[in-house]
């Protein structure tokens, strides 16, 4: 059975997210784009990157003192810089993941 993805709306947010998806692919990172309600989001490994057509933003960590998330953000016109920052953050997240032993991974 073949799964057909629904057609994405043609909005500034989706167009910017698609450009970022293509740039991430050049950096060796796969991503999937979803869109609706004037926003787009990309799933990049364990990360979600949101876009409103003008900016990208993502959760970049946790501020334990203030007990709230810290967000990274970049202008949508700076696709290459955004891609580098997202790849860096994905790599950091991957390095923080506890390694499972082969016999426990199933």
C-alpha atoms as a PDB file:
ATOM      1  CA  UNK A   1       0.000   0.000   0.000  1.00  0.00           C
ATOM      2  CA  UNK A   2       1.401   3.399  -0.986  1.00  0.00           C
ATOM      3  CA  UNK A   3       0.990   6.404   1.311  1.00  0.00           C
ATOM      4  CA  UNK A   4       0.233   9.659  -0.488  1.00  0.00           C
ATOM      5  CA  UNK A   5       1.222  12.848   1.284  1.00  0.00           C
ATOM      6  CA  UNK A   6      -1.353  15.625   1.057  1.00  0.00           C
ATOM      7  CA  UNK A   7      -0.447  18.601  -1.099  1.00  0.00           C
ATOM      8  CA  UNK A   8       1.068  21.434   0.915  1.00  0.00           C
ATOM      9  CA  UNK A   9      -0.454  24.902   0.715  1.00  0.00           C
ATOM     10  CA  UNK A  10       1.494  27.456  -1.317  1.00  0.00           C
ATOM     11  CA  UNK A  11       2.330  29.984   1.393  1.00  0.00           C
ATOM     12  CA  UNK A  12       5.483  31.974   2.210  1.00  0.00           C
ATOM     13  CA  UNK A  13       6.009  29.741   5.258  1.00  0.00           C
ATOM     14  CA  UNK A  14       5.852  26.514   3.244  1.00  0.00           C
ATOM     15  CA  UNK A  15       8.088  27.921   0.489  1.00  0.00           C
ATOM     16  CA  UNK A  16      10.720  28.951   3.057  1.00  0.00           C
ATOM     17  CA  UNK A  17      10.460  25.565   4.799  1.00  0.00           C
ATOM     18  CA  UNK A  18      10.930  23.776   1.468  1.00  0.00           C
ATOM     19  CA  UNK A  19      14.058  25.844   0.768  1.00  0.00           C
ATOM     20  CA  UNK A  20      15.393  24.912   4.197  1.00  0.00           C
ATOM     21  CA  UNK A  21      14.538  21.233   3.593  1.00  0.00           C
ATOM     22  CA  UNK A  22      16.533  21.239   0.355  1.00  0.00           C
ATOM     23  CA  UNK A  23      19.490  22.963   2.023  1.00  0.00           C
ATOM     24  CA  UNK A  24      19.414  20.515   4.933  1.00  0.00           C
ATOM     25  CA  UNK A  25      19.531  17.658   2.402  1.00  0.00           C
ATOM     26  CA  UNK A  26      22.751  19.161   1.016  1.00  0.00           C
ATOM     27  CA  UNK A  27      24.115  18.946   4.573  1.00  0.00           C
ATOM     28  CA  UNK A  28      23.084  15.286   4.815  1.00  0.00           C
ATOM     29  CA  UNK A  29      20.007  15.842   6.985  1.00  0.00           C
ATOM     30  CA  UNK A  30      16.602  14.615   5.946  1.00  0.00           C
ATOM     31  CA  UNK A  31      13.564  16.667   6.881  1.00  0.00           C
ATOM     32  CA  UNK A  32       9.853  16.577   6.268  1.00  0.00           C
ATOM     33  CA  UNK A  33       7.689  19.674   5.746  1.00  0.00           C
ATOM     34  CA  UNK A  34       4.133  20.142   6.972  1.00  0.00           C
ATOM     35  CA  UNK A  35       2.026  23.253   6.511  1.00  0.00           C
ATOM     36  CA  UNK A  36      -1.237  24.874   7.404  1.00  0.00           C
ATOM     37  CA  UNK A  37      -2.808  27.865   9.111  1.00  0.00           C
ATOM     38  CA  UNK A  38      -0.091  30.155   7.715  1.00  0.00           C
ATOM     39  CA  UNK A  39       2.721  28.201   9.379  1.00  0.00           C
ATOM     40  CA  UNK A  40       5.044  25.450   8.294  1.00  0.00           C
ATOM     41  CA  UNK A  41       7.086  23.052  10.333  1.00  0.00           C
ATOM     42  CA  UNK A  42       9.938  20.748   9.536  1.00  0.00           C
ATOM     43  CA  UNK A  43      10.744  17.598  11.404  1.00  0.00           C
ATOM     44  CA  UNK A  44      14.504  17.143  11.407  1.00  0.00           C
ATOM     45  CA  UNK A  45      15.415  14.051  13.383  1.00  0.00           C
ATOM     46  CA  UNK A  46      14.363  14.753  16.969  1.00  0.00           C
ATOM     47  CA  UNK A  47      13.813  18.462  16.247  1.00  0.00           C
ATOM     48  CA  UNK A  48      10.887  20.530  15.086  1.00  0.00           C
ATOM     49  CA  UNK A  49      11.596  23.793  13.264  1.00  0.00           C
ATOM     50  CA  UNK A  50       8.681  26.216  12.826  1.00  0.00           C
ATOM     51  CA  UNK A  51       8.393  28.903  10.157  1.00  0.00           C
ATOM     52  CA  UNK A  52       5.953  31.751   9.621  1.00  0.00           C
ATOM     53  CA  UNK A  53       7.511  32.851   6.318  1.00  0.00           C
ATOM     54  CA  UNK A  54       9.647  35.528   7.970  1.00  0.00           C
ATOM     55  CA  UNK A  55      11.483  33.550  10.662  1.00  0.00           C
ATOM     56  CA  UNK A  56      12.458  30.028  11.597  1.00  0.00           C
ATOM     57  CA  UNK A  57      12.536  29.035  15.267  1.00  0.00           C
ATOM     58  CA  UNK A  58      13.196  25.891  17.287  1.00  0.00           C
ATOM     59  CA  UNK A  59      13.614  24.792  20.877  1.00  0.00           C
ATOM     60  CA  UNK A  60      17.347  25.019  21.555  1.00  0.00           C
ATOM     61  CA  UNK A  61      17.404  23.923  25.172  1.00  0.00           C
ATOM     62  CA  UNK A  62      16.051  24.381  28.655  1.00  0.00           C
ATOM     63  CA  UNK A  63      16.709  27.179  31.128  1.00  0.00           C
ATOM     64  CA  UNK A  64      16.616  25.316  34.447  1.00  0.00           C
ATOM     65  CA  UNK A  65      16.763  28.485  36.520  1.00  0.00           C
ATOM     66  CA  UNK A  66      13.721  30.042  34.836  1.00  0.00           C
ATOM     67  CA  UNK A  67      12.110  26.660  34.169  1.00  0.00           C
ATOM     68  CA  UNK A  68      11.283  27.372  30.536  1.00  0.00           C
ATOM     69  CA  UNK A  69      12.518  26.478  27.063  1.00  0.00           C
ATOM     70  CA  UNK A  70      15.121  28.530  25.215  1.00  0.00           C
ATOM     71  CA  UNK A  71      14.504  29.081  21.506  1.00  0.00           C
ATOM     72  CA  UNK A  72      16.863  29.581  18.589  1.00  0.00           C
ATOM     73  CA  UNK A  73      15.672  31.804  15.765  1.00  0.00           C
ATOM     74  CA  UNK A  74      16.852  32.914  12.354  1.00  0.00           C
ATOM     75  CA  UNK A  75      15.457  35.090   9.569  1.00  0.00           C
ATOM     76  CA  UNK A  76      13.855  33.019   6.796  1.00  0.00           C
ATOM     77  CA  UNK A  77      16.015  34.731   4.181  1.00  0.00           C
ATOM     78  CA  UNK A  78      19.165  33.262   5.766  1.00  0.00           C
ATOM     79  CA  UNK A  79      18.612  29.658   4.685  1.00  0.00           C
ATOM     80  CA  UNK A  80      22.248  28.508   4.701  1.00  0.00           C
ATOM     81  CA  UNK A  81      22.927  29.943   8.163  1.00  0.00           C
ATOM     82  CA  UNK A  82      19.679  28.417   9.468  1.00  0.00           C
ATOM     83  CA  UNK A  83      20.626  25.029   8.031  1.00  0.00           C
ATOM     84  CA  UNK A  84      24.062  25.138   9.677  1.00  0.00           C
ATOM     85  CA  UNK A  85      22.517  26.039  13.044  1.00  0.00           C
ATOM     86  CA  UNK A  86      19.872  23.299  12.779  1.00  0.00           C
ATOM     87  CA  UNK A  87      22.478  20.682  11.795  1.00  0.00           C
ATOM     88  CA  UNK A  88      24.655  21.766  14.723  1.00  0.00           C
ATOM     89  CA  UNK A  89      21.741  21.490  17.149  1.00  0.00           C
ATOM     90  CA  UNK A  90      20.649  18.091  15.766  1.00  0.00           C
ATOM     91  CA  UNK A  91      24.209  16.840  16.211  1.00  0.00           C
ATOM     92  CA  UNK A  92      24.231  18.087  19.815  1.00  0.00           C
ATOM     93  CA  UNK A  93      20.901  16.374  20.495  1.00  0.00           C
ATOM     94  CA  UNK A  94      22.181  13.127  18.990  1.00  0.00           C
ATOM     95  CA  UNK A  95      25.346  13.266  21.112  1.00  0.00           C
ATOM     96  CA  UNK A  96      23.264  13.723  24.283  1.00  0.00           C
ATOM     97  CA  UNK A  97      21.121  10.652  23.581  1.00  0.00           C
ATOM     98  CA  UNK A  98      22.110   7.713  25.769  1.00  0.00           C
ATOM     99  CA  UNK A  99      23.556   4.972  23.597  1.00  0.00           C
ATOM    100  CA  UNK A 100      21.568   1.744  23.628  1.00  0.00           C
ATOM    101  CA  UNK A 101      23.447  -1.507  23.538  1.00  0.00           C
ATOM    102  CA  UNK A 102      22.764  -3.523  20.342  1.00  0.00           C
ATOM    103  CA  UNK A 103      20.908  -6.260  22.206  1.00  0.00           C
ATOM    104  CA  UNK A 104      18.464  -3.717  23.748  1.00  0.00           C
ATOM    105  CA  UNK A 105      17.727  -1.900  20.475  1.00  0.00           C
ATOM    106  CA  UNK A 106      14.822  -3.582  18.744  1.00  0.00           C
END
